[in-house]
C-alpha atoms as a PDB file:
ATOM      1  CA  MET A   1       2.729  31.324 -14.580  1.00  0.00           C
ATOM      2  CA  SER A   2       5.610  32.113 -12.246  1.00  0.00           C
ATOM      3  CA  SER A   3       6.486  29.804  -9.373  1.00  0.00           C
ATOM      4  CA  PRO A   4       5.845  31.062  -5.803  1.00  0.00           C
ATOM      5  CA  ILE A   5       9.494  30.719  -4.787  1.00  0.00           C
ATOM      6  CA  VAL A   6      11.928  33.371  -3.583  1.00  0.00           C
ATOM      7  CA  GLN A   7      15.588  32.878  -2.871  1.00  0.00           C
ATOM      8  CA  SER A   8      17.065  31.539   0.339  1.00  0.00           C
ATOM      9  CA  SER A   9      19.734  28.995   1.214  1.00  0.00           C
ATOM     10  CA  LYS A  10      19.128  26.243   3.754  1.00  0.00           C
ATOM     11  CA  PRO A  11      19.655  22.573   4.706  1.00  0.00           C
ATOM     12  CA  GLU A  12      20.115  19.659   2.359  1.00  0.00           C
ATOM     13  CA  CYS A  13      17.214  18.034   0.527  1.00  0.00           C
ATOM     14  CA  PRO A  14      15.893  14.843   2.194  1.00  0.00           C
ATOM     15  CA  LEU A  15      15.064  13.363  -1.218  1.00  0.00           C
ATOM     16  CA  CYS A  16      18.261  13.842  -3.236  1.00  0.00           C
ATOM     17  CA  GLY A  17      20.736  15.244  -0.700  1.00  0.00           C
ATOM     18  CA  ALA A  18      21.439  18.446  -2.646  1.00  0.00           C
ATOM     19  CA  ALA A  19      22.527  21.367  -0.484  1.00  0.00           C
ATOM     20  CA  GLY A  20      20.460  24.504  -0.157  1.00  0.00           C
ATOM     21  CA  GLY A  21      17.289  25.589  -1.866  1.00  0.00           C
ATOM     22  CA  LYS A  22      14.870  28.438  -2.449  1.00  0.00           C
ATOM     23  CA  ARG A  23      12.359  29.355   0.209  1.00  0.00           C
ATOM     24  CA  TRP A  24       8.790  28.754  -0.876  1.00  0.00           C
ATOM     25  CA  ARG A  25       7.006  32.067  -0.567  1.00  0.00           C
ATOM     26  CA  GLY A  26       5.306  32.685   2.769  1.00  0.00           C
ATOM     27  CA  SER A  27       6.257  29.320   4.278  1.00  0.00           C
ATOM     28  CA  GLU A  28       8.822  27.335   6.228  1.00  0.00           C
ATOM     29  CA  PHE A  29       9.324  25.110   3.157  1.00  0.00           C
ATOM     30  CA  LEU A  30      12.332  25.090   0.855  1.00  0.00           C
ATOM     31  CA  ALA A  31      12.349  24.030  -2.787  1.00  0.00           C
ATOM     32  CA  CYS A  32      15.305  21.840  -3.776  1.00  0.00           C
ATOM     33  CA  TRP A  33      17.545  23.250  -6.481  1.00  0.00           C
ATOM     34  CA  SER A  34      18.146  19.807  -7.941  1.00  0.00           C
ATOM     35  CA  CYS A  35      15.056  17.587  -7.732  1.00  0.00           C
ATOM     36  CA  SER A  36      12.378  20.288  -7.176  1.00  0.00           C
ATOM     37  CA  VAL A  37      10.771  18.632  -4.134  1.00  0.00           C
ATOM     38  CA  VAL A  38       9.574  21.088  -1.489  1.00  0.00           C
ATOM     39  CA  PHE A  39      10.553  20.243   2.098  1.00  0.00           C
ATOM     40  CA  ARG A  40      10.405  21.749   5.556  1.00  0.00           C
ATOM     41  CA  SER A  41      13.437  23.826   6.510  1.00  0.00           C
ATOM     42  CA  SER A  42      13.235  22.574  10.106  1.00  0.00           C
ATOM     43  CA  PRO A  43      12.949  18.773  10.325  1.00  0.00           C
ATOM     44  CA  VAL A  44      10.018  17.423  12.348  1.00  0.00           C
ATOM     45  CA  GLN A  45      11.085  15.043  15.110  1.00  0.00           C
ATOM     46  CA  PRO A  46       9.728  11.462  14.845  1.00  0.00           C
ATOM     47  CA  GLU A  47       8.395  11.554  18.403  1.00  0.00           C
ATOM     48  CA  ASP A  48       6.453  14.743  17.637  1.00  0.00           C
ATOM     49  CA  LEU A  49       4.951  13.179  14.519  1.00  0.00           C
ATOM     50  CA  SER A  50       3.975  10.048  16.423  1.00  0.00           C
ATOM     51  CA  ALA A  51       2.342  12.104  19.175  1.00  0.00           C
ATOM     52  CA  LYS A  52       0.383  14.093  16.593  1.00  0.00           C
ATOM     53  CA  TYR A  53      -0.943  10.929  14.919  1.00  0.00           C
ATOM     54  CA  GLU A  54      -1.836   9.302  18.227  1.00  0.00           C
ATOM     55  CA  GLU A  55      -3.782  12.414  19.196  1.00  0.00           C
ATOM     56  CA  SER A  56      -5.523  12.588  15.805  1.00  0.00           C
ATOM     57  CA  TRP A  57      -6.703   8.972  15.940  1.00  0.00           C
ATOM     58  CA  GLY A  58      -8.401   9.773  19.232  1.00  0.00           C
ATOM     59  CA  ASP A  59     -11.078  11.413  17.056  1.00  0.00           C
ATOM     60  CA  ALA A  60     -10.490  10.015  13.569  1.00  0.00           C
ATOM     61  CA  GLU A  61     -13.476  11.718  11.927  1.00  0.00           C
ATOM     62  CA  ALA A  62     -12.483  15.168  13.157  1.00  0.00           C
ATOM     63  CA  ASN A  63      -8.829  14.855  12.075  1.00  0.00           C
ATOM     64  CA  VAL A  64      -9.015  13.639   8.486  1.00  0.00           C
ATOM     65  CA  ALA A  65      -5.767  15.413   7.538  1.00  0.00           C
ATOM     66  CA  GLU A  66      -3.974  12.735   9.571  1.00  0.00           C
ATOM     67  CA  THR A  67      -6.438   9.822   9.498  1.00  0.00           C
ATOM     68  CA  GLY A  68      -7.575  10.012   5.861  1.00  0.00           C
ATOM     69  CA  SER A  69     -10.499  11.699   4.122  1.00  0.00           C
ATOM     70  CA  THR A  70     -11.345   8.962   1.597  1.00  0.00           C
ATOM     71  CA  ASP A  71     -14.849   7.581   2.114  1.00  0.00           C
ATOM     72  CA  ARG A  72     -16.461   4.644   0.314  1.00  0.00           C
ATOM     73  CA  ILE A  73     -17.957   6.887  -2.408  1.00  0.00           C
ATOM     74  CA  LEU A  74     -14.565   8.372  -3.277  1.00  0.00           C
ATOM     75  CA  ALA A  75     -12.929   4.947  -2.862  1.00  0.00           C
ATOM     76  CA  ARG A  76     -15.328   3.563  -5.485  1.00  0.00           C
ATOM     77  CA  ILE A  77     -14.351   6.369  -7.893  1.00  0.00           C
ATOM     78  CA  TYR A  78     -10.659   5.731  -7.271  1.00  0.00           C
ATOM     79  CA  ALA A  79     -11.084   1.978  -7.746  1.00  0.00           C
ATOM     80  CA  GLU A  80     -12.739   2.524 -11.130  1.00  0.00           C
ATOM     81  CA  ARG A  81      -9.924   4.854 -12.202  1.00  0.00           C
ATOM     82  CA  MET A  82      -7.328   2.350 -10.987  1.00  0.00           C
ATOM     83  CA  LYS A  83      -8.959  -0.439 -12.959  1.00  0.00           C
ATOM     84  CA  ALA A  84      -8.911   1.628 -16.155  1.00  0.00           C
ATOM     85  CA  SER A  85      -5.312   2.809 -15.646  1.00  0.00           C
ATOM     86  CA  LEU A  86      -4.095  -0.745 -15.063  1.00  0.00           C
ATOM     87  CA  GLY A  87      -6.058  -2.131 -17.998  1.00  0.00           C
ATOM     88  CA  LEU A  88      -8.019  -4.539 -15.796  1.00  0.00           C
ATOM     89  CA  ALA A  89     -11.507  -5.919 -16.261  1.00  0.00           C
ATOM     90  CA  ASP A  90     -11.762  -6.362 -12.477  1.00  0.00           C
ATOM     91  CA  PHE A  91      -9.623  -6.966  -9.396  1.00  0.00           C
ATOM     92  CA  ARG A  92     -10.445 -10.630  -8.926  1.00  0.00           C
ATOM     93  CA  GLY A  93      -7.399 -12.712  -8.098  1.00  0.00           C
ATOM     94  CA  MET A  94      -5.201  -9.676  -7.413  1.00  0.00           C
ATOM     95  CA  SER A  95      -3.186  -9.267  -4.221  1.00  0.00           C
ATOM     96  CA  ILE A  96      -2.771  -5.618  -3.187  1.00  0.00           C
ATOM     97  CA  LEU A  97      -0.892  -3.959  -0.331  1.00  0.00           C
ATOM     98  CA  GLU A  98      -2.223  -0.580   0.799  1.00  0.00           C
ATOM     99  CA  VAL A  99       0.316   1.480   2.718  1.00  0.00           C
ATOM    100  CA  GLY A 100      -1.141   4.096   5.034  1.00  0.00           C
ATOM    101  CA  ALA A 101      -4.655   2.711   4.790  1.00  0.00           C
ATOM    102  CA  GLY A 102      -6.285   5.351   6.984  1.00  0.00           C
ATOM    103  CA  LYS A 103      -9.827   4.447   7.965  1.00  0.00           C
ATOM    104  CA  GLY A 104      -9.920   1.550   5.492  1.00  0.00           C
ATOM    105  CA  ALA A 105     -12.279   2.777   2.751  1.00  0.00           C
ATOM    106  CA  MET A 106      -9.968   1.792  -0.143  1.00  0.00           C
ATOM    107  CA  ALA A 107      -9.081  -1.581   1.357  1.00  0.00           C
ATOM    108  CA  LEU A 108     -12.737  -2.442   1.876  1.00  0.00           C
ATOM    109  CA  GLU A 109     -13.725  -1.251  -1.593  1.00  0.00           C
ATOM    110  CA  LEU A 110     -10.991  -3.254  -3.335  1.00  0.00           C
ATOM    111  CA  GLU A 111     -11.903  -6.320  -1.280  1.00  0.00           C
ATOM    112  CA  SER A 112     -15.538  -5.914  -2.406  1.00  0.00           C
ATOM    113  CA  LEU A 113     -14.298  -5.926  -6.020  1.00  0.00           C
ATOM    114  CA  GLY A 114     -12.480  -9.240  -5.634  1.00  0.00           C
ATOM    115  CA  ALA A 115      -8.947  -8.289  -4.554  1.00  0.00           C
ATOM    116  CA  THR A 116      -7.100  -9.744  -1.592  1.00  0.00           C
ATOM    117  CA  VAL A 117      -5.937  -6.681   0.332  1.00  0.00           C
ATOM    118  CA  TRP A 118      -3.476  -6.258   3.169  1.00  0.00           C
ATOM    119  CA  ALA A 119      -3.187  -2.875   4.871  1.00  0.00           C
ATOM    120  CA  VAL A 120      -0.283  -1.198   6.647  1.00  0.00           C
ATOM    121  CA  GLU A 121      -1.623   1.264   9.229  1.00  0.00           C
ATOM    122  CA  PRO A 122       0.287   1.857  12.465  1.00  0.00           C
ATOM    123  CA  TYR A 123      -2.089   4.316  14.108  1.00  0.00           C
ATOM    124  CA  GLY A 124      -5.502   3.081  12.933  1.00  0.00           C
ATOM    125  CA  TYR A 125      -4.574  -0.578  13.399  1.00  0.00           C
ATOM    126  CA  ALA A 126      -7.275  -1.352  15.976  1.00  0.00           C
ATOM    127  CA  GLU A 127     -10.000   0.379  13.954  1.00  0.00           C
ATOM    128  CA  LEU A 128      -9.141  -1.530  10.781  1.00  0.00           C
ATOM    129  CA  LYS A 129      -8.860  -4.800  12.655  1.00  0.00           C
ATOM    130  CA  ALA A 130     -12.384  -4.234  13.968  1.00  0.00           C
ATOM    131  CA  LEU A 131     -13.603  -3.719  10.382  1.00  0.00           C
ATOM    132  CA  GLY A 132     -12.195  -7.093   9.348  1.00  0.00           C
ATOM    133  CA  VAL A 133      -9.318  -5.660   7.300  1.00  0.00           C
ATOM    134  CA  LYS A 134      -6.112  -7.731   7.148  1.00  0.00           C
ATOM    135  CA  VAL A 135      -3.831  -5.160   8.740  1.00  0.00           C
ATOM    136  CA  VAL A 136      -0.312  -4.863  10.159  1.00  0.00           C
ATOM    137  CA  ARG A 137       1.383  -1.918  11.814  1.00  0.00           C
ATOM    138  CA  ASP A 138       4.478  -2.204   9.605  1.00  0.00           C
ATOM    139  CA  GLU A 139       5.277  -4.150   6.445  1.00  0.00           C
ATOM    140  CA  SER A 140       7.952  -6.070   8.364  1.00  0.00           C
ATOM    141  CA  GLU A 141       5.075  -7.852  10.157  1.00  0.00           C
ATOM    142  CA  LEU A 142       3.652  -9.315   6.931  1.00  0.00           C
ATOM    143  CA  PRO A 143       3.942 -13.089   6.366  1.00  0.00           C
ATOM    144  CA  ARG A 144       7.431 -13.653   5.009  1.00  0.00           C
ATOM    145  CA  ALA A 145       6.402 -15.391   1.771  1.00  0.00           C
ATOM    146  CA  LEU A 146       3.656 -12.920   0.873  1.00  0.00           C
ATOM    147  CA  ARG A 147       4.035 -11.087  -2.442  1.00  0.00           C
ATOM    148  CA  PHE A 148       1.743  -8.575  -4.105  1.00  0.00           C
ATOM    149  CA  ASP A 149       0.613  -7.706  -7.604  1.00  0.00           C
ATOM    150  CA  GLY A 150       0.365  -4.066  -6.604  1.00  0.00           C
ATOM    151  CA  ILE A 151       1.080  -1.520  -3.892  1.00  0.00           C
ATOM    152  CA  LEU A 152      -1.201   1.430  -3.260  1.00  0.00           C
ATOM    153  CA  GLY A 153      -0.332   4.607  -1.357  1.00  0.00           C
ATOM    154  CA  MET A 154      -3.033   7.284  -1.426  1.00  0.00           C
ATOM    155  CA  GLN A 155      -1.931  10.601   0.095  1.00  0.00           C
ATOM    156  CA  VAL A 156       0.879   8.936   2.065  1.00  0.00           C
ATOM    157  CA  ILE A 157       4.342   9.873   0.791  1.00  0.00           C
ATOM    158  CA  GLU A 158       3.999  13.540   1.795  1.00  0.00           C
ATOM    159  CA  HIS A 159       3.840  12.332   5.425  1.00  0.00           C
ATOM    160  CA  LEU A 160       7.101  10.335   5.290  1.00  0.00           C
ATOM    161  CA  PRO A 161      10.463  11.832   6.359  1.00  0.00           C
ATOM    162  CA  THR A 162      12.380   9.497   4.006  1.00  0.00           C
ATOM    163  CA  PRO A 163       9.931   8.207   1.370  1.00  0.00           C
ATOM    164  CA  GLY A 164      12.691   6.946  -0.929  1.00  0.00           C
ATOM    165  CA  ALA A 165      13.959   4.522   1.695  1.00  0.00           C
ATOM    166  CA  ARG A 166      10.409   3.344   2.418  1.00  0.00           C
ATOM    167  CA  LEU A 167       9.614   2.736  -1.255  1.00  0.00           C
ATOM    168  CA  SER A 168      12.882   0.823  -1.663  1.00  0.00           C
ATOM    169  CA  ARG A 169      11.921  -1.471   1.223  1.00  0.00           C
ATOM    170  CA  LEU A 170       8.510  -2.079  -0.307  1.00  0.00           C
ATOM    171  CA  ARG A 171       9.802  -3.032  -3.763  1.00  0.00           C
ATOM    172  CA  PRO A 172      10.828  -6.627  -2.916  1.00  0.00           C
ATOM    173  CA  LEU A 173       7.244  -7.269  -1.785  1.00  0.00           C
ATOM    174  CA  LEU A 174       6.086  -6.984  -5.412  1.00  0.00           C
ATOM    175  CA  VAL A 175       6.077  -9.771  -7.943  1.00  0.00           C
ATOM    176  CA  ASP A 176       8.237  -9.095 -10.994  1.00  0.00           C
ATOM    177  CA  GLY A 177       6.271  -6.648 -13.110  1.00  0.00           C
ATOM    178  CA  GLY A 178       4.139  -5.600 -10.150  1.00  0.00           C
ATOM    179  CA  TRP A 179       2.893  -2.047  -9.968  1.00  0.00           C
ATOM    180  CA  ILE A 180       2.911   0.782  -7.475  1.00  0.00           C
ATOM    181  CA  LEU A 181       0.316   3.542  -7.572  1.00  0.00           C
ATOM    182  CA  LEU A 182       0.797   6.708  -5.531  1.00  0.00           C
ATOM    183  CA  SER A 183      -1.169   9.893  -5.083  1.00  0.00           C
ATOM    184  CA  THR A 184      -0.014  13.051  -3.335  1.00  0.00           C
ATOM    185  CA  PRO A 185      -0.883  16.766  -3.336  1.00  0.00           C
ATOM    186  CA  ASN A 186       0.390  18.509  -6.469  1.00  0.00           C
ATOM    187  CA  ARG A 187       2.643  21.383  -5.490  1.00  0.00           C
ATOM    188  CA  SER A 188       2.584  22.579  -9.115  1.00  0.00           C
ATOM    189  CA  GLY A 189      -1.213  22.795  -9.119  1.00  0.00           C
ATOM    190  CA  LEU A 190      -3.003  26.090  -9.597  1.00  0.00           C
ATOM    191  CA  ASN A 191      -3.937  26.520  -5.937  1.00  0.00           C
ATOM    192  CA  ALA A 192      -0.374  25.833  -4.801  1.00  0.00           C
ATOM    193  CA  ARG A 193       1.064  28.277  -7.337  1.00  0.00           C
ATOM    194  CA  LEU A 194      -1.302  31.020  -6.265  1.00  0.00           C
ATOM    195  CA  ALA A 195      -1.203  30.452  -2.510  1.00  0.00           C
ATOM    196  CA  GLY A 196       2.422  29.439  -1.899  1.00  0.00           C
ATOM    197  CA  GLY A 197       2.871  28.825   1.826  1.00  0.00           C
ATOM    198  CA  ARG A 198      -0.818  29.570   2.404  1.00  0.00           C
ATOM    199  CA  TRP A 199      -1.805  26.524   0.316  1.00  0.00           C
ATOM    200  CA  ARG A 200      -3.912  24.279   2.514  1.00  0.00           C
ATOM    201  CA  GLU A 201      -1.627  21.280   1.940  1.00  0.00           C
ATOM    202  CA  ALA A 202       1.394  23.291   3.111  1.00  0.00           C
ATOM    203  CA  GLN A 203      -0.528  24.292   6.233  1.00  0.00           C
ATOM    204  CA  LYS A 204      -0.917  20.688   7.396  1.00  0.00           C
ATOM    205  CA  SER A 205       1.691  20.038  10.063  1.00  0.00           C
ATOM    206  CA  THR A 206       2.199  16.372   9.112  1.00  0.00           C
ATOM    207  CA  HIS A 207       2.990  17.186   5.464  1.00  0.00           C
ATOM    208  CA  LEU A 208       6.780  17.010   5.309  1.00  0.00           C
ATOM    209  CA  LEU A 209       7.416  16.882   1.536  1.00  0.00           C
ATOM    210  CA  LEU A 210       5.440  18.379  -1.359  1.00  0.00           C
ATOM    211  CA  PHE A 211       5.954  16.908  -4.830  1.00  0.00           C
ATOM    212  CA  ASP A 212       5.587  17.970  -8.423  1.00  0.00           C
ATOM    213  CA  GLU A 213       5.703  15.536 -11.343  1.00  0.00           C
ATOM    214  CA  CYS A 214       9.494  15.818 -11.699  1.00  0.00           C
ATOM    215  CA  SER A 215      10.265  15.100  -8.039  1.00  0.00           C
ATOM    216  CA  LEU A 216       7.720  12.268  -7.866  1.00  0.00           C
ATOM    217  CA  ARG A 217       9.319  10.638 -10.915  1.00  0.00           C
ATOM    218  CA  ARG A 218      12.745  11.009  -9.326  1.00  0.00           C
ATOM    219  CA  LEU A 219      11.486   9.500  -6.070  1.00  0.00           C
ATOM    220  CA  LEU A 220      10.114   6.385  -7.771  1.00  0.00           C
ATOM    221  CA  GLU A 221      13.020   5.880 -10.147  1.00  0.00           C
ATOM    222  CA  GLY A 222      15.502   6.362  -7.306  1.00  0.00           C
ATOM    223  CA  ALA A 223      13.723   3.607  -5.371  1.00  0.00           C
ATOM    224  CA  GLY A 224      14.109   1.186  -8.294  1.00  0.00           C
ATOM    225  CA  TYR A 225      10.774   1.521 -10.099  1.00  0.00           C
ATOM    226  CA  SER A 226      10.450   2.072 -13.838  1.00  0.00           C
ATOM    227  CA  GLU A 227       7.991   3.101 -16.556  1.00  0.00           C
ATOM    228  CA  PHE A 228       6.759   6.101 -14.588  1.00  0.00           C
ATOM    229  CA  ARG A 229       3.455   7.439 -15.857  1.00  0.00           C
ATOM    230  CA  ARG A 230       1.416  10.304 -14.507  1.00  0.00           C
ATOM    231  CA  LEU A 231      -2.268   9.423 -14.488  1.00  0.00           C
ATOM    232  CA  GLN A 232      -4.990  11.858 -15.468  1.00  0.00           C
ATOM    233  CA  TRP A 233      -8.059  10.820 -13.529  1.00  0.00           C
ATOM    234  CA  HIS A 234     -10.813  13.037 -14.881  1.00  0.00           C
ATOM    235  CA  HIS A 235     -13.628  13.365 -12.403  1.00  0.00           C
ATOM    236  CA  GLY A 236     -15.490  16.219 -10.750  1.00  0.00           C
ATOM    237  CA  TYR A 237     -15.734  14.719  -7.243  1.00  0.00           C
ATOM    238  CA  GLY A 238     -19.521  14.708  -7.469  1.00  0.00           C
ATOM    239  CA  ARG A 239     -19.813  18.405  -8.325  1.00  0.00           C
ATOM    240  CA  SER A 240     -22.144  19.756 -10.991  1.00  0.00           C
ATOM    241  CA  GLY A 241     -22.173  22.793 -13.277  1.00  0.00           C
ATOM    242  CA  LEU A 242     -19.108  25.029 -13.394  1.00  0.00           C
ATOM    243  CA  ARG A 243     -17.776  23.566 -10.142  1.00  0.00           C
ATOM    244  CA  GLY A 244     -17.766  20.188 -11.805  1.00  0.00           C
ATOM    245  CA  CYS A 245     -16.089  21.455 -14.983  1.00  0.00           C
ATOM    246  CA  LEU A 246     -13.202  23.171 -13.204  1.00  0.00           C
ATOM    247  CA  PRO A 247     -11.465  19.970 -12.004  1.00  0.00           C
ATOM    248  CA  TYR A 248     -11.635  18.576 -15.559  1.00  0.00           C
ATOM    249  CA  ALA A 249     -10.061  21.747 -16.954  1.00  0.00           C
ATOM    250  CA  LEU A 250      -7.288  21.807 -14.358  1.00  0.00           C
ATOM    251  CA  GLN A 251      -6.571  18.103 -14.813  1.00  0.00           C
ATOM    252  CA  SER A 252      -6.314  18.583 -18.572  1.00  0.00           C
ATOM    253  CA  VAL A 253      -3.494  21.123 -18.161  1.00  0.00           C
ATOM    254  CA  ARG A 254      -1.909  19.301 -15.165  1.00  0.00           C
ATOM    255  CA  LEU A 255      -2.750  22.084 -12.724  1.00  0.00           C
ATOM    256  CA  ASP A 256      -5.117  20.061 -10.557  1.00  0.00           C
ATOM    257  CA  GLY A 257      -4.497  19.603  -6.858  1.00  0.00           C
ATOM    258  CA  GLU A 258      -3.761  15.868  -6.906  1.00  0.00           C
ATOM    259  CA  LEU A 259      -0.746  14.181  -8.441  1.00  0.00           C
ATOM    260  CA  THR A 260      -1.266  10.483  -9.216  1.00  0.00           C
ATOM    261  CA  ALA A 261       1.374   8.224 -10.747  1.00  0.00           C
ATOM    262  CA  LEU A 262       1.901   4.605 -11.729  1.00  0.00           C
ATOM    263  CA  ALA A 263       5.229   2.757 -11.975  1.00  0.00           C
ATOM    264  CA  TYR A 264       6.438  -0.842 -12.132  1.00  0.00           C
ATOM    265  CA  SER A 265       8.943  -3.137 -10.448  1.00  0.00           C
ATOM    266  CA  ARG A 266      10.947  -5.190 -12.902  1.00  0.00           C
ATOM    267  CA  GLY A 267      14.276  -6.947 -12.724  1.00  0.00           C
ATOM    268  CA  LYS A 268      16.573  -8.722 -10.315  1.00  0.00           C
ATOM    269  CA  ASN A 269      15.549  -6.884  -7.134  1.00  0.00           C
ATOM    270  CA  SER A 270      11.866  -7.738  -7.385  1.00  0.00           C
ATOM    271  CA  ALA A 271      10.376 -11.010  -6.207  1.00  0.00           C
ATOM    272  CA  ALA A 272       9.956 -13.899  -8.574  1.00  0.00           C
END
């Protein structure tokens, strides 16, 4: 299936710094020649992003594109998939940092399964605090000696102007051999290929970067993580019949809408 990209030449890639790119059909996004990440041709100003998030958290349930759409049912599904992917019997005794924790469903679910969870959430800080979640606005506010077995970022990196720099800063917070698990919309999925700039994930104003497997691997490896593995989490999101079978089929051929990956921190730059 052909890619929905037509030629154009524009600014440098925020992921790898390569100059130029191809315009993604029907959109303001460009596709990098080198690393294949898709990025906005006109950078979004930090103050505009902050204002958008502040406005969205004024009605968190109505603005799930910015505040997070994961509820406890989906969080339970994700937690089970995480456990299987990590080869764990349970989460007891594990220390996990969730970056971009949204409304707190994953943090609360992992806590209920025995993990000690800290959340980073700058805009929903007060809401998570009220739920009893251990939360900070930025990882720099964490207790200095704190280290984690794993870092979780569900549907977060597409919102970050410079995700490589952020992931590099997070790496020393992991114990040696600690893991990082990320999910993000899959710009090589069937819907993205068919819709191009009309894809619903490209229409979200706070989505700055759109990844495929190649660019996600490059992001993690560039930030110092190793043993990249794309995860195939087969589930039908509670659907039945043909609607339930379709996600399985798309996941089997890597054309599903969600890209989930696991990598590890090993070596001299990770914490002992």
